């Protein structure tokens, strides 16, 4: 699963888009967890189903991106006894640190207007509205659809009202790496016992 998180985190930072193929190692990891930790099968299944259902709903309504929802499901699929709590604490620490930095530097917390050319070049922006001349048209609030709405605009003089899109999968990847380092240093028996 770590391989998937590292690649997905890198893609999320670079492009804010994560390829579906990235999740294949994580799927294999989950299957291995079910195979090699049969005593955890019910717990793993319940965790994956509950978080999977929540992730599906929040992704469907566009609250988070599709890769974000998928990553949360894989976090809870870790067969370690206390998982996913240590990972989620690490994710929260990474996310909070980065978001505080973004607020301090003025990158987030307020909407910004950029040219459509800049919007197309930089995938880090979440569109809120398209401005053509004096007309401002809101785009779909669903983060999985809004970018596609703006990509359809043909007027190169258009401006886009945006907000900074945080790399949630990168936060999850960093949290997972911190968790693995913690296990390696303080609980190597648990780490070596993982499938």
Protein backbone atom coordinates (compact mmCIF):
# COMPACT_ATOMS: atom_id res chain seq x y z
CA UNK A 1 0.00 0.00 0.00
CA UNK A 2 2.91 2.31 0.72
CA UNK A 3 3.97 2.24 -2.93
CA UNK A 4 0.51 3.39 -4.02
CA UNK A 5 0.49 6.17 -1.44
CA UNK A 6 3.93 7.45 -2.46
CA UNK A 7 3.11 7.54 -6.18
CA UNK A 8 -0.38 8.95 -5.61
CA UNK A 9 0.98 11.61 -3.24
CA UNK A 10 3.58 12.66 -5.81
CA UNK A 11 0.95 12.84 -8.57
CA UNK A 12 -1.39 14.81 -6.32
CA UNK A 13 1.25 17.44 -5.56
CA UNK A 14 2.34 17.72 -9.21
CA UNK A 15 -0.97 17.53 -11.05
CA UNK A 16 -3.83 17.28 -8.52
CA UNK A 17 -4.85 14.24 -10.57
CA UNK A 18 -4.08 10.66 -9.58
CA UNK A 19 -4.05 7.85 -12.13
CA UNK A 20 -6.31 4.89 -11.36
CA UNK A 21 -3.47 2.44 -12.07
CA UNK A 22 -1.62 3.82 -9.04
CA UNK A 23 -4.01 1.97 -6.74
CA UNK A 24 -3.16 -1.53 -8.06
CA UNK A 25 -0.38 -2.14 -5.47
CA UNK A 26 -2.75 -1.00 -2.70
CA UNK A 27 -5.44 -3.40 -3.92
CA UNK A 28 -2.86 -6.20 -3.86
CA UNK A 29 -1.87 -5.11 -0.34
CA UNK A 30 -5.46 -5.27 0.87
CA UNK A 31 -5.93 -8.73 -0.65
CA UNK A 32 -2.70 -9.88 1.04
CA UNK A 33 -3.94 -8.44 4.34
CA UNK A 34 -7.13 -10.50 4.06
CA UNK A 35 -5.14 -13.60 3.12
CA UNK A 36 -2.32 -13.38 5.69
CA UNK A 37 -4.32 -11.92 8.60
CA UNK A 38 -7.49 -14.05 8.62
CA UNK A 39 -8.13 -13.21 12.27
CA UNK A 40 -8.55 -9.58 11.19
CA UNK A 41 -10.87 -10.30 8.26
CA UNK A 42 -14.10 -9.18 9.91
CA UNK A 43 -12.55 -6.05 11.42
CA UNK A 44 -10.88 -5.12 8.13
CA UNK A 45 -14.04 -5.78 6.16
CA UNK A 46 -16.20 -3.67 8.50
CA UNK A 47 -13.65 -0.80 8.46
CA UNK A 48 -13.34 -0.89 4.68
CA UNK A 49 -17.11 -1.07 4.14
CA UNK A 50 -17.94 1.76 6.56
CA UNK A 51 -15.22 4.14 5.36
CA UNK A 52 -15.81 3.02 1.78
CA UNK A 53 -19.48 4.01 2.04
CA UNK A 54 -18.60 7.36 3.61
CA UNK A 55 -15.91 7.98 0.98
CA UNK A 56 -18.34 7.12 -1.81
CA UNK A 57 -20.93 9.59 -0.53
CA UNK A 58 -18.52 12.49 0.02
CA UNK A 59 -16.87 11.83 -3.34
CA UNK A 60 -20.22 11.57 -5.11
CA UNK A 61 -21.27 14.96 -3.74
CA UNK A 62 -17.93 16.47 -4.73
CA UNK A 63 -16.74 17.32 -1.24
CA UNK A 64 -13.44 15.55 -1.95
CA UNK A 65 -11.81 14.29 -5.11
CA UNK A 66 -12.09 10.68 -6.21
CA UNK A 67 -8.48 9.86 -5.32
CA UNK A 68 -8.99 11.34 -1.84
CA UNK A 69 -11.89 8.98 -1.17
CA UNK A 70 -9.96 5.98 -2.48
CA UNK A 71 -6.92 6.85 -0.34
CA UNK A 72 -9.03 7.05 2.83
CA UNK A 73 -10.38 3.55 2.14
CA UNK A 74 -6.86 2.15 1.78
CA UNK A 75 -5.74 3.83 5.02
CA UNK A 76 -8.33 1.90 7.01
CA UNK A 77 -7.41 -1.37 5.27
CA UNK A 78 -4.13 -1.57 7.20
CA UNK A 79 -4.29 -4.76 9.31
CA UNK A 80 -2.31 -3.36 12.26
CA UNK A 81 -4.33 -3.55 15.50
CA UNK A 82 -4.64 0.20 16.12
CA UNK A 83 -4.86 1.23 12.49
CA UNK A 84 -6.04 3.64 11.20
CA UNK A 85 -5.70 5.93 14.22
CA UNK A 86 -1.91 6.54 14.09
CA UNK A 87 -2.06 7.18 10.34
CA UNK A 88 -4.97 9.60 10.71
CA UNK A 89 -3.16 11.50 13.50
CA UNK A 90 -0.09 11.81 11.26
CA UNK A 91 -2.27 12.89 8.31
CA UNK A 92 -3.94 15.51 10.48
CA UNK A 93 -0.57 16.87 11.66
CA UNK A 94 0.77 17.10 8.09
CA UNK A 95 -2.43 18.65 6.73
CA UNK A 96 -2.73 21.16 9.57
CA UNK A 97 0.91 22.22 9.20
CA UNK A 98 0.55 22.74 5.45
CA UNK A 99 -2.79 24.54 5.70
CA UNK A 100 -1.40 26.91 8.37
CA UNK A 101 1.54 27.59 6.04
CA UNK A 102 -0.87 28.26 3.15
CA UNK A 103 -2.89 30.72 5.25
CA UNK A 104 0.28 32.45 6.47
CA UNK A 105 1.52 32.90 2.89
CA UNK A 106 -1.87 34.01 1.55
CA UNK A 107 -2.30 31.02 -0.77
CA UNK A 108 -5.63 30.00 0.72
CA UNK A 109 -8.45 31.44 2.75
CA UNK A 110 -9.69 33.74 0.03
CA UNK A 111 -10.81 33.41 -3.56
CA UNK A 112 -8.51 34.61 -6.29
CA UNK A 113 -9.09 35.55 -9.96
CA UNK A 114 -6.66 34.18 -12.54
CA UNK A 115 -6.60 33.99 -16.34
CA UNK A 116 -8.01 30.91 -18.00
CA UNK A 117 -4.56 30.23 -19.46
CA UNK A 118 -3.01 30.14 -15.98
CA UNK A 119 -5.87 27.94 -14.77
CA UNK A 120 -5.18 25.42 -17.54
CA UNK A 121 -1.43 25.41 -16.78
CA UNK A 122 -1.74 25.00 -13.00
CA UNK A 123 -3.87 22.13 -11.74
CA UNK A 124 -3.71 23.31 -8.12
CA UNK A 125 -6.74 25.57 -8.49
CA UNK A 126 -10.36 24.65 -7.76
CA UNK A 127 -12.67 26.79 -9.91
CA UNK A 128 -15.61 28.63 -8.37
CA UNK A 129 -16.77 30.79 -11.29
CA UNK A 130 -15.91 31.80 -14.84
CA UNK A 131 -15.85 35.50 -15.68
CA UNK A 132 -16.32 36.49 -19.33
CA UNK A 133 -16.50 40.24 -19.77
CA UNK A 134 -18.90 41.49 -17.11
CA UNK A 135 -20.72 38.17 -16.73
CA UNK A 136 -19.79 35.89 -13.83
CA UNK A 137 -21.08 32.33 -14.05
CA UNK A 138 -20.70 29.93 -11.12
CA UNK A 139 -19.42 26.44 -11.92
CA UNK A 140 -20.58 23.18 -10.36
CA UNK A 141 -19.58 22.96 -6.67
CA UNK A 142 -18.56 19.31 -7.17
CA UNK A 143 -14.73 19.31 -7.28
CA UNK A 144 -14.84 16.28 -9.58
CA UNK A 145 -16.85 18.18 -12.22
CA UNK A 146 -15.96 21.87 -11.84
CA UNK A 147 -12.62 21.70 -13.65
CA UNK A 148 -14.28 20.06 -16.66
CA UNK A 149 -16.83 22.90 -16.74
CA UNK A 150 -14.06 25.49 -17.03
CA UNK A 151 -12.12 23.46 -19.62
CA UNK A 152 -15.13 23.84 -21.96
CA UNK A 153 -14.76 27.65 -22.04
CA UNK A 154 -13.42 28.76 -25.43
CA UNK A 155 -12.99 32.49 -24.75
CA UNK A 156 -9.26 32.95 -24.05
CA UNK A 157 -9.90 36.33 -22.41
CA UNK A 158 -12.00 34.66 -19.70
CA UNK A 159 -10.94 34.84 -16.08
CA UNK A 160 -11.54 32.15 -13.47
CA UNK A 161 -12.37 32.74 -9.82
CA UNK A 162 -10.51 30.01 -7.94
CA UNK A 163 -9.40 28.79 -4.58
CA UNK A 164 -6.30 26.77 -3.81
CA UNK A 165 -6.91 23.01 -3.87
CA UNK A 166 -5.00 21.24 -1.13
CA UNK A 167 -3.26 17.97 -2.05
CA UNK A 168 -5.21 15.66 0.27
CA UNK A 169 -3.73 12.44 -1.11
CA UNK A 170 -0.25 13.86 -0.51
CA UNK A 171 -1.21 14.50 3.13
CA UNK A 172 -2.41 10.89 3.41
CA UNK A 173 0.79 9.61 1.78
CA UNK A 174 2.97 11.64 4.14
CA UNK A 175 0.93 10.46 7.13
CA UNK A 176 1.30 6.85 6.02
CA UNK A 177 5.07 7.23 5.63
CA UNK A 178 5.29 8.80 9.11
CA UNK A 179 3.27 5.86 10.45
CA UNK A 180 5.63 3.33 8.81
CA UNK A 181 8.68 5.15 10.19
CA UNK A 182 7.07 5.15 13.66
CA UNK A 183 6.48 1.40 13.38
CA UNK A 184 10.05 0.80 12.19
CA UNK A 185 11.52 2.72 15.13
CA UNK A 186 9.17 1.92 18.00
CA UNK A 187 7.22 -1.21 17.02
CA UNK A 188 9.28 -3.17 14.56
CA UNK A 189 7.50 -6.40 15.52
CA UNK A 190 4.20 -4.98 14.29
CA UNK A 191 5.82 -3.69 11.11
CA UNK A 192 7.47 -7.03 10.36
CA UNK A 193 4.21 -8.83 11.10
CA UNK A 194 2.31 -6.91 8.42
CA UNK A 195 1.68 -8.76 5.13
